[in-house]
């Protein structure tokens, strides 16, 4: 792990992607036919993609190790999503992706993977696992950035989380291009999304569980907090708290207390590793 950390930290190369490079997403999926979560991610991705109808989505179903490796060898995409079950062997063993009856150890791949990997699977960067996680194995085999899961994830919430990333590839990028932004890094792209997703989780809790706010207030707070995040306001969390305080008619102290009580939310299940700052999304084509 130390050698991988050194190689990753010493990688100062820049990998440029244009918007068109991000409009093709491949999903390698592996579930038994009767598995109830099999269609969940695809349904979410298509729902969000259809908002702009600009992304080409390819779903590749695989049922064993041979099909899995064949799919990897014939990829033509910059973004790859793995949709399957995942697990790990504890602190003394490696993590794996469950492909049919086969457990895939990503450290043993023989094919270079795309630069951007999203893992819609449990425990792919497990807190309780060893350094030989699924996510680290993909970094070892060519990925520049991997979005992995620290803990088991809820299939429906995970599908929504990933689906909203797909929508962000078109709607969000087009919006900031109109504001005159010429480029941004994948780190910026994902870190801002994490902030917005955190706001979504908190507001859902306040609306559905605690009944502090109604749907109208939820939407208003969501829009304003996202606006603060997208404008790079470092005080975005304070903005969120103040908006909740005003709409729910609670003191600032009461809001912070309820945030502590809520504690862990779905977004916190995910971790981005690698060098996402090395991936530059070019919104305007360079001249020459």
C-alpha atoms as a PDB file:
ATOM      1  CA  UNK A   1       0.000   0.000   0.000  1.00  0.00           C
ATOM      2  CA  UNK A   2       2.880   2.361   0.739  1.00  0.00           C
ATOM      3  CA  UNK A   3       4.236   1.986  -2.786  1.00  0.00           C
ATOM      4  CA  UNK A   4       0.796   2.677  -4.253  1.00  0.00           C
ATOM      5  CA  UNK A   5       0.427   5.787  -2.105  1.00  0.00           C
ATOM      6  CA  UNK A   6       3.808   7.029  -3.254  1.00  0.00           C
ATOM      7  CA  UNK A   7       3.035   6.427  -6.942  1.00  0.00           C
ATOM      8  CA  UNK A   8      -0.348   8.102  -6.648  1.00  0.00           C
ATOM      9  CA  UNK A   9       0.944  11.129  -4.764  1.00  0.00           C
ATOM     10  CA  UNK A  10       3.786  11.573  -7.264  1.00  0.00           C
ATOM     11  CA  UNK A  11       1.448  11.484 -10.263  1.00  0.00           C
ATOM     12  CA  UNK A  12       1.256  15.104 -11.432  1.00  0.00           C
ATOM     13  CA  UNK A  13       0.061  14.383 -14.965  1.00  0.00           C
ATOM     14  CA  UNK A  14      -3.074  16.085 -16.280  1.00  0.00           C
ATOM     15  CA  UNK A  15      -5.766  14.074 -18.016  1.00  0.00           C
ATOM     16  CA  UNK A  16      -8.082  16.330 -20.016  1.00  0.00           C
ATOM     17  CA  UNK A  17     -11.642  15.396 -20.904  1.00  0.00           C
ATOM     18  CA  UNK A  18     -14.110  17.343 -22.990  1.00  0.00           C
ATOM     19  CA  UNK A  19     -17.816  17.331 -22.210  1.00  0.00           C
ATOM     20  CA  UNK A  20     -18.440  14.885 -25.041  1.00  0.00           C
ATOM     21  CA  UNK A  21     -16.091  12.386 -23.365  1.00  0.00           C
ATOM     22  CA  UNK A  22     -18.450  12.317 -20.393  1.00  0.00           C
ATOM     23  CA  UNK A  23     -21.585  11.638 -22.416  1.00  0.00           C
ATOM     24  CA  UNK A  24     -21.013   7.922 -22.667  1.00  0.00           C
ATOM     25  CA  UNK A  25     -21.340   5.779 -19.565  1.00  0.00           C
ATOM     26  CA  UNK A  26     -20.805   2.038 -19.416  1.00  0.00           C
ATOM     27  CA  UNK A  27     -22.233  -0.093 -16.627  1.00  0.00           C
ATOM     28  CA  UNK A  28     -20.913  -3.602 -16.034  1.00  0.00           C
ATOM     29  CA  UNK A  29     -23.671  -5.342 -14.103  1.00  0.00           C
ATOM     30  CA  UNK A  30     -23.846  -8.751 -12.445  1.00  0.00           C
ATOM     31  CA  UNK A  31     -26.892  -9.994 -10.565  1.00  0.00           C
ATOM     32  CA  UNK A  32     -28.900 -13.174 -10.635  1.00  0.00           C
ATOM     33  CA  UNK A  33     -32.170 -12.782 -12.534  1.00  0.00           C
ATOM     34  CA  UNK A  34     -34.264 -13.034  -9.383  1.00  0.00           C
ATOM     35  CA  UNK A  35     -32.205 -10.486  -7.426  1.00  0.00           C
ATOM     36  CA  UNK A  36     -34.679  -7.678  -6.557  1.00  0.00           C
ATOM     37  CA  UNK A  37     -32.078  -4.914  -6.883  1.00  0.00           C
ATOM     38  CA  UNK A  38     -30.960  -5.927 -10.390  1.00  0.00           C
ATOM     39  CA  UNK A  39     -32.951  -3.224 -12.269  1.00  0.00           C
ATOM     40  CA  UNK A  40     -32.574  -0.503  -9.642  1.00  0.00           C
ATOM     41  CA  UNK A  41     -29.482   1.367 -10.847  1.00  0.00           C
ATOM     42  CA  UNK A  42     -30.425   1.177 -14.527  1.00  0.00           C
ATOM     43  CA  UNK A  43     -33.864   2.626 -13.762  1.00  0.00           C
ATOM     44  CA  UNK A  44     -32.324   5.503 -11.802  1.00  0.00           C
ATOM     45  CA  UNK A  45     -29.700   6.257 -14.461  1.00  0.00           C
ATOM     46  CA  UNK A  46     -32.283   6.318 -17.251  1.00  0.00           C
ATOM     47  CA  UNK A  47     -34.566   8.546 -15.182  1.00  0.00           C
ATOM     48  CA  UNK A  48     -31.871  11.171 -14.694  1.00  0.00           C
ATOM     49  CA  UNK A  49     -30.315  10.822 -18.135  1.00  0.00           C
ATOM     50  CA  UNK A  50     -33.672  11.417 -19.813  1.00  0.00           C
ATOM     51  CA  UNK A  51     -33.815  14.890 -18.296  1.00  0.00           C
ATOM     52  CA  UNK A  52     -31.344  16.061 -20.968  1.00  0.00           C
ATOM     53  CA  UNK A  53     -31.220  13.052 -23.330  1.00  0.00           C
ATOM     54  CA  UNK A  54     -27.538  13.605 -24.056  1.00  0.00           C
ATOM     55  CA  UNK A  55     -25.825  10.647 -22.416  1.00  0.00           C
ATOM     56  CA  UNK A  56     -25.410   7.306 -24.124  1.00  0.00           C
ATOM     57  CA  UNK A  57     -25.823   4.521 -21.583  1.00  0.00           C
ATOM     58  CA  UNK A  58     -24.521   1.007 -22.200  1.00  0.00           C
ATOM     59  CA  UNK A  59     -25.420  -1.807 -19.806  1.00  0.00           C
ATOM     60  CA  UNK A  60     -23.294  -4.942 -20.061  1.00  0.00           C
ATOM     61  CA  UNK A  61     -24.597  -7.928 -18.107  1.00  0.00           C
ATOM     62  CA  UNK A  62     -21.999 -10.489 -17.101  1.00  0.00           C
ATOM     63  CA  UNK A  63     -22.466 -13.728 -15.206  1.00  0.00           C
ATOM     64  CA  UNK A  64     -18.941 -15.042 -14.680  1.00  0.00           C
ATOM     65  CA  UNK A  65     -15.268 -14.080 -14.589  1.00  0.00           C
ATOM     66  CA  UNK A  66     -14.718 -14.740 -18.311  1.00  0.00           C
ATOM     67  CA  UNK A  67     -17.551 -12.440 -19.379  1.00  0.00           C
ATOM     68  CA  UNK A  68     -16.366  -9.828 -16.897  1.00  0.00           C
ATOM     69  CA  UNK A  69     -12.823  -9.721 -18.296  1.00  0.00           C
ATOM     70  CA  UNK A  70     -14.129  -9.731 -21.864  1.00  0.00           C
ATOM     71  CA  UNK A  71     -16.307  -6.701 -21.111  1.00  0.00           C
ATOM     72  CA  UNK A  72     -13.337  -4.853 -19.597  1.00  0.00           C
ATOM     73  CA  UNK A  73     -11.157  -5.545 -22.624  1.00  0.00           C
ATOM     74  CA  UNK A  74     -13.641  -4.025 -25.081  1.00  0.00           C
ATOM     75  CA  UNK A  75     -14.576  -0.830 -23.248  1.00  0.00           C
ATOM     76  CA  UNK A  76     -14.719   2.472 -25.092  1.00  0.00           C
ATOM     77  CA  UNK A  77     -15.678   4.883 -22.358  1.00  0.00           C
ATOM     78  CA  UNK A  78     -14.065   7.238 -19.839  1.00  0.00           C
ATOM     79  CA  UNK A  79     -16.597   6.504 -17.091  1.00  0.00           C
ATOM     80  CA  UNK A  80     -17.249   2.971 -15.901  1.00  0.00           C
ATOM     81  CA  UNK A  81     -19.773   1.938 -13.268  1.00  0.00           C
ATOM     82  CA  UNK A  82     -19.735  -1.460 -11.596  1.00  0.00           C
ATOM     83  CA  UNK A  83     -23.217  -2.525 -10.495  1.00  0.00           C
ATOM     84  CA  UNK A  84     -23.081  -5.679  -8.384  1.00  0.00           C
ATOM     85  CA  UNK A  85     -22.583  -6.940  -4.860  1.00  0.00           C
ATOM     86  CA  UNK A  86     -19.274  -6.335  -3.109  1.00  0.00           C
ATOM     87  CA  UNK A  87     -17.604  -7.450   0.076  1.00  0.00           C
ATOM     88  CA  UNK A  88     -14.220  -7.917   1.739  1.00  0.00           C
ATOM     89  CA  UNK A  89     -12.300 -10.519   3.688  1.00  0.00           C
ATOM     90  CA  UNK A  90     -11.459  -8.414   6.726  1.00  0.00           C
ATOM     91  CA  UNK A  91      -8.224  -6.705   7.687  1.00  0.00           C
ATOM     92  CA  UNK A  92      -6.053  -9.604   6.508  1.00  0.00           C
ATOM     93  CA  UNK A  93      -7.555 -10.228   3.073  1.00  0.00           C
ATOM     94  CA  UNK A  94      -8.708  -8.446  -0.092  1.00  0.00           C
ATOM     95  CA  UNK A  95     -12.031  -7.032  -1.168  1.00  0.00           C
ATOM     96  CA  UNK A  96     -13.964  -8.350  -4.143  1.00  0.00           C
ATOM     97  CA  UNK A  97     -16.782  -7.790  -6.616  1.00  0.00           C
ATOM     98  CA  UNK A  98     -19.285 -10.626  -6.816  1.00  0.00           C
ATOM     99  CA  UNK A  99     -19.632 -11.593 -10.478  1.00  0.00           C
ATOM    100  CA  UNK A 100     -21.985 -14.555 -10.728  1.00  0.00           C
ATOM    101  CA  UNK A 101     -20.372 -17.233  -8.576  1.00  0.00           C
ATOM    102  CA  UNK A 102     -16.926 -15.658  -8.979  1.00  0.00           C
ATOM    103  CA  UNK A 103     -15.248 -13.235  -6.607  1.00  0.00           C
ATOM    104  CA  UNK A 104     -13.198 -10.724  -8.596  1.00  0.00           C
ATOM    105  CA  UNK A 105     -10.067  -9.437  -6.900  1.00  0.00           C
ATOM    106  CA  UNK A 106      -9.409  -6.138  -8.689  1.00  0.00           C
ATOM    107  CA  UNK A 107      -5.733  -6.295  -7.769  1.00  0.00           C
ATOM    108  CA  UNK A 108      -5.389  -9.188 -10.209  1.00  0.00           C
ATOM    109  CA  UNK A 109      -6.864  -7.498 -13.274  1.00  0.00           C
ATOM    110  CA  UNK A 110      -4.901  -7.826 -16.497  1.00  0.00           C
ATOM    111  CA  UNK A 111      -6.637  -4.950 -18.302  1.00  0.00           C
ATOM    112  CA  UNK A 112      -6.193  -1.217 -17.765  1.00  0.00           C
ATOM    113  CA  UNK A 113      -9.456   0.330 -16.597  1.00  0.00           C
ATOM    114  CA  UNK A 114     -10.959   3.748 -17.541  1.00  0.00           C
ATOM    115  CA  UNK A 115      -9.849   6.861 -15.622  1.00  0.00           C
ATOM    116  CA  UNK A 116     -13.151   7.341 -13.777  1.00  0.00           C
ATOM    117  CA  UNK A 117     -14.720   4.450 -11.872  1.00  0.00           C
ATOM    118  CA  UNK A 118     -17.932   4.535  -9.829  1.00  0.00           C
ATOM    119  CA  UNK A 119     -18.685   1.531  -7.632  1.00  0.00           C
ATOM    120  CA  UNK A 120     -22.365   0.913  -7.027  1.00  0.00           C
ATOM    121  CA  UNK A 121     -21.642  -1.953  -4.651  1.00  0.00           C
ATOM    122  CA  UNK A 122     -21.188  -2.457  -0.929  1.00  0.00           C
ATOM    123  CA  UNK A 123     -17.906  -2.259   0.965  1.00  0.00           C
ATOM    124  CA  UNK A 124     -15.642  -1.461  -1.977  1.00  0.00           C
ATOM    125  CA  UNK A 125     -13.497   0.850   0.146  1.00  0.00           C
ATOM    126  CA  UNK A 126     -14.461  -0.774   3.421  1.00  0.00           C
ATOM    127  CA  UNK A 127     -13.610   0.819   6.754  1.00  0.00           C
ATOM    128  CA  UNK A 128     -13.215  -2.630   8.285  1.00  0.00           C
ATOM    129  CA  UNK A 129     -11.236  -4.066   5.395  1.00  0.00           C
ATOM    130  CA  UNK A 130      -7.571  -4.134   4.491  1.00  0.00           C
ATOM    131  CA  UNK A 131      -5.717  -1.778   2.155  1.00  0.00           C
ATOM    132  CA  UNK A 132      -6.380  -4.346  -0.608  1.00  0.00           C
ATOM    133  CA  UNK A 133      -9.843  -2.948  -1.288  1.00  0.00           C
ATOM    134  CA  UNK A 134     -11.728  -3.115  -4.559  1.00  0.00           C
ATOM    135  CA  UNK A 135     -11.244   0.634  -5.008  1.00  0.00           C
ATOM    136  CA  UNK A 136      -7.482   0.551  -4.414  1.00  0.00           C
ATOM    137  CA  UNK A 137      -7.158  -2.376  -6.795  1.00  0.00           C
ATOM    138  CA  UNK A 138      -8.742  -0.308  -9.550  1.00  0.00           C
ATOM    139  CA  UNK A 139      -6.350   2.568  -8.844  1.00  0.00           C
ATOM    140  CA  UNK A 140      -3.534   0.032  -9.171  1.00  0.00           C
ATOM    141  CA  UNK A 141      -4.867  -0.908 -12.612  1.00  0.00           C
ATOM    142  CA  UNK A 142      -5.107   2.507 -14.201  1.00  0.00           C
ATOM    143  CA  UNK A 143      -8.046   4.402 -12.735  1.00  0.00           C
ATOM    144  CA  UNK A 144      -7.259   7.979 -11.758  1.00  0.00           C
ATOM    145  CA  UNK A 145     -10.212   8.252  -9.446  1.00  0.00           C
ATOM    146  CA  UNK A 146     -12.579   5.751  -7.865  1.00  0.00           C
ATOM    147  CA  UNK A 147     -15.786   6.436  -5.991  1.00  0.00           C
ATOM    148  CA  UNK A 148     -16.160   3.603  -3.486  1.00  0.00           C
ATOM    149  CA  UNK A 149     -18.318   2.670  -0.511  1.00  0.00           C
ATOM    150  CA  UNK A 150     -17.076   2.616   3.061  1.00  0.00           C
ATOM    151  CA  UNK A 151     -20.015   0.597   4.396  1.00  0.00           C
ATOM    152  CA  UNK A 152     -22.976  -1.405   3.099  1.00  0.00           C
ATOM    153  CA  UNK A 153     -25.253   0.835   1.037  1.00  0.00           C
ATOM    154  CA  UNK A 154     -28.998   0.915   0.450  1.00  0.00           C
ATOM    155  CA  UNK A 155     -29.676  -0.152  -3.167  1.00  0.00           C
ATOM    156  CA  UNK A 156     -32.346   2.462  -3.879  1.00  0.00           C
ATOM    157  CA  UNK A 157     -30.487   5.322  -2.215  1.00  0.00           C
ATOM    158  CA  UNK A 158     -27.243   4.267  -3.902  1.00  0.00           C
ATOM    159  CA  UNK A 159     -28.961   4.176  -7.295  1.00  0.00           C
ATOM    160  CA  UNK A 160     -30.307   7.688  -6.733  1.00  0.00           C
ATOM    161  CA  UNK A 161     -26.878   8.885  -5.620  1.00  0.00           C
ATOM    162  CA  UNK A 162     -25.221   7.562  -8.799  1.00  0.00           C
ATOM    163  CA  UNK A 163     -28.089   8.657 -11.044  1.00  0.00           C
ATOM    164  CA  UNK A 164     -27.758  12.245  -9.892  1.00  0.00           C
ATOM    165  CA  UNK A 165     -24.064  12.176 -10.792  1.00  0.00           C
ATOM    166  CA  UNK A 166     -25.072  11.220 -14.343  1.00  0.00           C
ATOM    167  CA  UNK A 167     -27.469  14.149 -14.547  1.00  0.00           C
ATOM    168  CA  UNK A 168     -24.797  16.469 -13.177  1.00  0.00           C
ATOM    169  CA  UNK A 169     -22.600  15.558 -16.162  1.00  0.00           C
ATOM    170  CA  UNK A 170     -24.956  17.454 -18.445  1.00  0.00           C
ATOM    171  CA  UNK A 171     -27.215  19.851 -16.551  1.00  0.00           C
ATOM    172  CA  UNK A 172     -24.620  21.160 -14.122  1.00  0.00           C
ATOM    173  CA  UNK A 173     -21.750  21.382 -16.619  1.00  0.00           C
ATOM    174  CA  UNK A 174     -23.886  23.271 -19.118  1.00  0.00           C
ATOM    175  CA  UNK A 175     -24.996  25.684 -16.409  1.00  0.00           C
ATOM    176  CA  UNK A 176     -21.504  26.573 -15.226  1.00  0.00           C
ATOM    177  CA  UNK A 177     -20.255  26.867 -18.800  1.00  0.00           C
ATOM    178  CA  UNK A 178     -22.878  29.567 -19.323  1.00  0.00           C
ATOM    179  CA  UNK A 179     -21.397  31.360 -16.308  1.00  0.00           C
ATOM    180  CA  UNK A 180     -18.072  31.572 -18.138  1.00  0.00           C
ATOM    181  CA  UNK A 181     -16.283  28.672 -16.432  1.00  0.00           C
ATOM    182  CA  UNK A 182     -13.794  27.212 -18.897  1.00  0.00           C
ATOM    183  CA  UNK A 183     -12.712  24.112 -16.981  1.00  0.00           C
ATOM    184  CA  UNK A 184     -12.900  22.359 -13.645  1.00  0.00           C
ATOM    185  CA  UNK A 185     -11.361  19.297 -12.067  1.00  0.00           C
ATOM    186  CA  UNK A 186     -13.170  16.061 -11.328  1.00  0.00           C
ATOM    187  CA  UNK A 187     -12.347  16.665  -7.650  1.00  0.00           C
ATOM    188  CA  UNK A 188     -14.283  19.934  -7.752  1.00  0.00           C
ATOM    189  CA  UNK A 189     -17.108  18.283  -9.669  1.00  0.00           C
ATOM    190  CA  UNK A 190     -17.537  15.464  -7.137  1.00  0.00           C
ATOM    191  CA  UNK A 191     -16.747  17.374  -3.941  1.00  0.00           C
ATOM    192  CA  UNK A 192     -19.458  19.941  -4.685  1.00  0.00           C
ATOM    193  CA  UNK A 193     -21.829  17.110  -5.493  1.00  0.00           C
ATOM    194  CA  UNK A 194     -21.037  15.513  -2.119  1.00  0.00           C
ATOM    195  CA  UNK A 195     -21.973  18.762  -0.398  1.00  0.00           C
ATOM    196  CA  UNK A 196     -25.269  19.007  -2.257  1.00  0.00           C
ATOM    197  CA  UNK A 197     -26.033  15.358  -1.631  1.00  0.00           C
ATOM    198  CA  UNK A 198     -25.374  15.878   2.081  1.00  0.00           C
ATOM    199  CA  UNK A 199     -27.846  18.783   2.064  1.00  0.00           C
ATOM    200  CA  UNK A 200     -30.405  16.545   0.344  1.00  0.00           C
ATOM    201  CA  UNK A 201     -29.977  13.843   2.990  1.00  0.00           C
ATOM    202  CA  UNK A 202     -30.346  16.284   5.868  1.00  0.00           C
ATOM    203  CA  UNK A 203     -33.400  17.962   4.389  1.00  0.00           C
ATOM    204  CA  UNK A 204     -35.096  14.617   3.754  1.00  0.00           C
ATOM    205  CA  UNK A 205     -34.575  13.715   7.408  1.00  0.00           C
ATOM    206  CA  UNK A 206     -36.005  17.041   8.572  1.00  0.00           C
ATOM    207  CA  UNK A 207     -39.014  16.705   6.267  1.00  0.00           C
ATOM    208  CA  UNK A 208     -39.837  13.012   6.531  1.00  0.00           C
ATOM    209  CA  UNK A 209     -38.679  11.977  10.007  1.00  0.00           C
ATOM    210  CA  UNK A 210     -38.679  15.088  12.162  1.00  0.00           C
ATOM    211  CA  UNK A 211     -41.386  17.014  10.247  1.00  0.00           C
ATOM    212  CA  UNK A 212     -39.598  20.296  10.761  1.00  0.00           C
ATOM    213  CA  UNK A 213     -40.236  21.454   7.201  1.00  0.00           C
ATOM    214  CA  UNK A 214     -42.796  20.809   4.465  1.00  0.00           C
ATOM    215  CA  UNK A 215     -42.194  20.126   0.769  1.00  0.00           C
ATOM    216  CA  UNK A 216     -42.274  23.825  -0.170  1.00  0.00           C
ATOM    217  CA  UNK A 217     -39.649  24.726   2.441  1.00  0.00           C
ATOM    218  CA  UNK A 218     -37.601  21.690   1.443  1.00  0.00           C
ATOM    219  CA  UNK A 219     -37.430  22.893  -2.159  1.00  0.00           C
ATOM    220  CA  UNK A 220     -36.636  26.493  -1.194  1.00  0.00           C
ATOM    221  CA  UNK A 221     -33.834  25.507   1.180  1.00  0.00           C
ATOM    222  CA  UNK A 222     -32.463  23.047  -1.368  1.00  0.00           C
ATOM    223  CA  UNK A 223     -32.259  25.662  -4.112  1.00  0.00           C
ATOM    224  CA  UNK A 224     -30.597  28.268  -1.892  1.00  0.00           C
ATOM    225  CA  UNK A 225     -28.065  25.877  -0.371  1.00  0.00           C
ATOM    226  CA  UNK A 226     -27.136  24.478  -3.810  1.00  0.00           C
ATOM    227  CA  UNK A 227     -26.728  28.043  -5.040  1.00  0.00           C
ATOM    228  CA  UNK A 228     -24.260  28.761  -2.230  1.00  0.00           C
ATOM    229  CA  UNK A 229     -22.289  25.595  -3.006  1.00  0.00           C
ATOM    230  CA  UNK A 230     -22.147  26.281  -6.731  1.00  0.00           C
ATOM    231  CA  UNK A 231     -20.897  29.801  -6.049  1.00  0.00           C
ATOM    232  CA  UNK A 232     -18.007  28.338  -4.011  1.00  0.00           C
ATOM    233  CA  UNK A 233     -19.273  29.839  -0.782  1.00  0.00           C
ATOM    234  CA  UNK A 234     -17.059  28.336   1.931  1.00  0.00           C
ATOM    235  CA  UNK A 235     -19.839  29.079   4.424  1.00  0.00           C
ATOM    236  CA  UNK A 236     -22.302  26.791   2.627  1.00  0.00           C
ATOM    237  CA  UNK A 237     -23.012  24.748   5.766  1.00  0.00           C
ATOM    238  CA  UNK A 238     -23.775  27.887   7.765  1.00  0.00           C
ATOM    239  CA  UNK A 239     -26.048  28.980   4.912  1.00  0.00           C
ATOM    240  CA  UNK A 240     -27.885  25.650   5.150  1.00  0.00           C
ATOM    241  CA  UNK A 241     -28.243  25.935   8.925  1.00  0.00           C
ATOM    242  CA  UNK A 242     -29.550  29.520   8.716  1.00  0.00           C
ATOM    243  CA  UNK A 243     -32.088  28.557   6.050  1.00  0.00           C
ATOM    244  CA  UNK A 244     -33.326  25.638   8.155  1.00  0.00           C
ATOM    245  CA  UNK A 245     -33.523  27.897  11.199  1.00  0.00           C
ATOM    246  CA  UNK A 246     -35.629  30.450   9.332  1.00  0.00           C
ATOM    247  CA  UNK A 247     -37.968  27.987   7.592  1.00  0.00           C
ATOM    248  CA  UNK A 248     -38.457  25.695  10.593  1.00  0.00           C
ATOM    249  CA  UNK A 249     -38.681  28.559  13.105  1.00  0.00           C
ATOM    250  CA  UNK A 250     -35.918  27.038  15.215  1.00  0.00           C
ATOM    251  CA  UNK A 251     -32.852  28.607  16.793  1.00  0.00           C
ATOM    252  CA  UNK A 252     -29.402  28.080  15.287  1.00  0.00           C
ATOM    253  CA  UNK A 253     -28.482  26.052  18.370  1.00  0.00           C
ATOM    254  CA  UNK A 254     -31.515  23.798  17.867  1.00  0.00           C
ATOM    255  CA  UNK A 255     -30.537  23.188  14.250  1.00  0.00           C
ATOM    256  CA  UNK A 256     -26.988  22.211  15.169  1.00  0.00           C
ATOM    257  CA  UNK A 257     -28.353  19.923  17.884  1.00  0.00           C
ATOM    258  CA  UNK A 258     -30.604  18.130  15.405  1.00  0.00           C
ATOM    259  CA  UNK A 259     -27.732  17.773  12.938  1.00  0.00           C
ATOM    260  CA  UNK A 260     -25.720  16.066  15.687  1.00  0.00           C
ATOM    261  CA  UNK A 261     -28.697  13.844  16.446  1.00  0.00           C
ATOM    262  CA  UNK A 262     -29.093  12.848  12.787  1.00  0.00           C
ATOM    263  CA  UNK A 263     -25.379  12.113  12.709  1.00  0.00           C
ATOM    264  CA  UNK A 264     -24.718   9.747   9.819  1.00  0.00           C
ATOM    265  CA  UNK A 265     -26.455  10.170   6.454  1.00  0.00           C
ATOM    266  CA  UNK A 266     -26.303   8.182   3.209  1.00  0.00           C
ATOM    267  CA  UNK A 267     -23.748  10.412   1.464  1.00  0.00           C
ATOM    268  CA  UNK A 268     -21.226   9.583   4.176  1.00  0.00           C
ATOM    269  CA  UNK A 269     -21.118   5.996   2.912  1.00  0.00           C
ATOM    270  CA  UNK A 270     -18.986   7.074  -0.041  1.00  0.00           C
ATOM    271  CA  UNK A 271     -15.349   7.981  -0.499  1.00  0.00           C
ATOM    272  CA  UNK A 272     -13.458   9.349  -3.486  1.00  0.00           C
ATOM    273  CA  UNK A 273      -9.863   8.141  -3.777  1.00  0.00           C
ATOM    274  CA  UNK A 274      -7.029   8.580  -6.262  1.00  0.00           C
ATOM    275  CA  UNK A 275      -6.077  11.846  -7.940  1.00  0.00           C
ATOM    276  CA  UNK A 276      -9.376  13.366  -9.122  1.00  0.00           C
ATOM    277  CA  UNK A 277      -7.669  16.749  -9.310  1.00  0.00           C
ATOM    278  CA  UNK A 278      -5.596  15.374 -12.212  1.00  0.00           C
ATOM    279  CA  UNK A 279      -8.718  15.010 -14.352  1.00  0.00           C
ATOM    280  CA  UNK A 280      -9.623  18.320 -15.958  1.00  0.00           C
ATOM    281  CA  UNK A 281     -13.026  18.712 -17.591  1.00  0.00           C
ATOM    282  CA  UNK A 282     -12.609  21.144 -20.467  1.00  0.00           C
ATOM    283  CA  UNK A 283     -15.879  23.021 -20.943  1.00  0.00           C
ATOM    284  CA  UNK A 284     -14.620  25.198 -23.787  1.00  0.00           C
ATOM    285  CA  UNK A 285     -12.442  23.781 -26.528  1.00  0.00           C
ATOM    286  CA  UNK A 286      -8.870  24.996 -26.501  1.00  0.00           C
ATOM    287  CA  UNK A 287      -7.756  26.914 -29.554  1.00  0.00           C
ATOM    288  CA  UNK A 288      -4.924  25.626 -31.684  1.00  0.00           C
END
